[in-house]
Amino acid sequence: MSKSPQSVRVLPQEVPRSIKKRQLLNDQELKAEPCREYGEKFLALGWWEDALEFFQKGHDSQGLEKIKNHCLETGDAYLLARLGAPQDPHTWQRLATRALDLGKFHFARRAYKLSGDPDKAAMVEALISGTETEKAQDQD
């Protein structure tokens, strides 16, 4: 039985590779507009972490807002925490609810903790423990 070839995503020419990206991010003279452009290119690829780095370097509030909206849609508590700006408890509650809806229990627990709601964080912790127990029993 032959293995099917895995699809390889080729990085478009205009998007910096890892070493060039690091050089750009460390460049003290890099202006805001190229940062925004690189951020948008990474967004188009779905590379949210890379986009975030360029938006942060360029202080691009619109780009950072796109990242925040993506986090709220996908329940990504870790990426939202990396935005650097403190989020209000309501934002964390919204994200936690969305993460729960998507079955992202670890993200939901983190968001509830960051929202200042230890009771809901504990409730999600119990869900995580129960899910892990069920998986272990299924393997027996």
Protein backbone atom coordinates (compact mmCIF):
# COMPACT_ATOMS: atom_id res chain seq x y z
CA MET A 1 0.00 0.00 0.00
CA SER A 2 1.51 3.31 -1.06
CA LYS A 3 1.30 6.43 0.98
CA SER A 4 -0.34 9.43 -0.58
CA PRO A 5 1.96 12.43 -0.85
CA GLN A 6 1.27 15.09 1.70
CA SER A 7 0.41 18.49 0.36
CA VAL A 8 3.24 20.91 0.85
CA ARG A 9 2.36 24.54 1.33
CA VAL A 10 4.81 26.71 -0.50
CA LEU A 11 5.37 30.11 1.04
CA PRO A 12 4.66 32.88 -1.49
CA GLN A 13 7.73 34.75 -2.67
CA GLU A 14 6.71 38.06 -1.05
CA VAL A 15 6.38 36.53 2.43
CA PRO A 16 9.63 36.50 4.44
CA ARG A 17 11.09 33.16 5.47
CA SER A 18 11.97 32.60 9.13
CA ILE A 19 15.45 34.18 9.15
CA LYS A 20 14.35 37.21 7.12
CA LYS A 21 11.24 37.53 9.32
CA ARG A 22 13.39 37.57 12.46
CA GLN A 23 15.68 40.21 10.90
CA LEU A 24 12.69 42.38 10.03
CA LEU A 25 11.19 42.09 13.50
CA ASN A 26 14.54 43.04 15.05
CA ASP A 27 15.07 45.98 12.68
CA GLN A 28 14.75 49.12 14.82
CA GLU A 29 14.12 51.26 11.73
CA LEU A 30 11.34 49.21 10.15
CA LYS A 31 8.37 51.52 9.56
CA ALA A 32 4.74 50.83 10.40
CA GLU A 33 3.51 50.41 6.81
CA PRO A 34 5.77 47.46 5.90
CA CYS A 35 4.82 45.88 9.23
CA ARG A 36 1.14 46.21 8.34
CA GLU A 37 1.78 44.78 4.86
CA TYR A 38 3.66 41.77 6.23
CA GLY A 39 0.98 41.26 8.87
CA GLU A 40 -1.72 41.24 6.19
CA LYS A 41 0.27 38.76 4.08
CA PHE A 42 0.56 36.40 7.03
CA LEU A 43 -3.15 36.84 7.79
CA ALA A 44 -3.96 35.81 4.23
CA LEU A 45 -2.06 32.59 4.87
CA GLY A 46 -3.83 32.01 8.19
CA TRP A 47 -0.57 32.40 10.11
CA TRP A 48 -2.02 34.33 13.02
CA GLU A 49 1.04 34.31 15.30
CA ASP A 50 3.28 35.73 12.56
CA ALA A 51 0.71 38.37 11.68
CA LEU A 52 0.45 39.31 15.35
CA GLU A 53 4.18 39.92 15.61
CA PHE A 54 4.18 42.34 12.67
CA PHE A 55 1.03 44.12 13.81
CA GLN A 56 2.54 44.57 17.26
CA LYS A 57 5.82 45.87 15.88
CA GLY A 58 4.00 48.36 13.67
CA HIS A 59 1.52 49.33 16.41
CA ASP A 60 -1.26 48.53 13.91
CA SER A 61 -4.49 48.81 15.89
CA GLN A 62 -6.65 47.62 12.97
CA GLY A 63 -4.50 44.54 12.48
CA LEU A 64 -4.55 43.80 16.20
CA GLU A 65 -8.34 44.16 16.18
CA LYS A 66 -8.51 41.53 13.41
CA ILE A 67 -6.45 39.18 15.58
CA LYS A 68 -8.71 39.86 18.57
CA ASN A 69 -11.85 39.15 16.51
CA HIS A 70 -10.29 35.92 15.24
CA CYS A 71 -9.57 34.88 18.85
CA LEU A 72 -13.16 35.57 19.88
CA GLU A 73 -14.49 33.58 16.90
CA THR A 74 -12.19 30.61 17.41
CA GLY A 75 -11.96 30.60 21.21
CA ASP A 76 -8.17 31.05 21.17
CA ALA A 77 -7.27 32.24 24.66
CA TYR A 78 -3.53 31.88 24.19
CA LEU A 79 -3.36 34.10 21.11
CA LEU A 80 -5.62 36.69 22.75
CA ALA A 81 -3.31 36.76 25.79
CA ARG A 82 -0.39 37.47 23.45
CA LEU A 83 -2.03 40.65 22.15
CA GLY A 84 -0.27 42.49 24.94
CA ALA A 85 -3.17 44.77 25.81
CA PRO A 86 -5.13 43.84 28.91
CA GLN A 87 -8.58 42.51 28.07
CA ASP A 88 -11.62 43.28 30.18
CA PRO A 89 -13.37 40.42 32.04
CA HIS A 90 -16.34 40.54 29.64
CA THR A 91 -14.04 39.83 26.67
CA TRP A 92 -12.53 36.84 28.47
CA GLN A 93 -16.03 35.60 29.37
CA ARG A 94 -17.11 35.84 25.70
CA LEU A 95 -14.03 33.95 24.59
CA ALA A 96 -14.50 31.29 27.27
CA THR A 97 -18.11 30.73 26.22
CA ARG A 98 -17.08 30.37 22.58
CA ALA A 99 -14.24 28.01 23.47
CA LEU A 100 -16.68 25.85 25.45
CA ASP A 101 -19.07 25.79 22.49
CA LEU A 102 -16.20 24.57 20.30
CA GLY A 103 -15.06 21.95 22.83
CA LYS A 104 -11.80 23.79 23.51
CA PHE A 105 -11.83 23.15 27.23
CA HIS A 106 -8.25 24.16 27.97
CA PHE A 107 -8.76 27.52 26.25
CA ALA A 108 -12.05 27.99 28.10
CA ARG A 109 -10.41 27.26 31.46
CA ARG A 110 -7.64 29.76 30.79
CA ALA A 111 -10.12 32.43 29.67
CA TYR A 112 -12.29 31.94 32.76
CA LYS A 113 -9.21 32.26 34.97
CA LEU A 114 -8.19 35.45 33.19
CA SER A 115 -11.74 36.80 33.50
CA GLY A 116 -11.49 36.45 37.27
CA ASP A 117 -14.07 33.67 37.52
CA PRO A 118 -12.42 30.80 39.41
CA ASP A 119 -15.73 28.94 39.85
CA LYS A 120 -16.28 28.59 36.11
CA ALA A 121 -12.60 27.75 35.64
CA ALA A 122 -13.02 24.94 38.18
CA MET A 123 -16.16 23.74 36.38
CA VAL A 124 -14.21 23.50 33.11
CA GLU A 125 -11.35 21.79 34.95
CA ALA A 126 -13.86 19.13 36.04
CA LEU A 127 -14.98 18.74 32.42
CA ILE A 128 -11.36 18.29 31.36
CA SER A 129 -10.76 15.68 34.07
CA GLY A 130 -13.95 13.84 33.13
CA THR A 131 -13.03 13.82 29.45
CA GLU A 132 -9.56 12.50 30.19
CA THR A 133 -11.01 9.80 32.44
CA GLU A 134 -13.44 8.75 29.69
CA LYS A 135 -10.59 8.54 27.16
CA ALA A 136 -8.55 6.38 29.52
CA GLN A 137 -11.51 4.06 30.10
CA ASP A 138 -12.13 3.77 26.35
CA GLN A 139 -8.55 2.62 25.88
CA ASP A 140 -8.92 -0.20 28.42
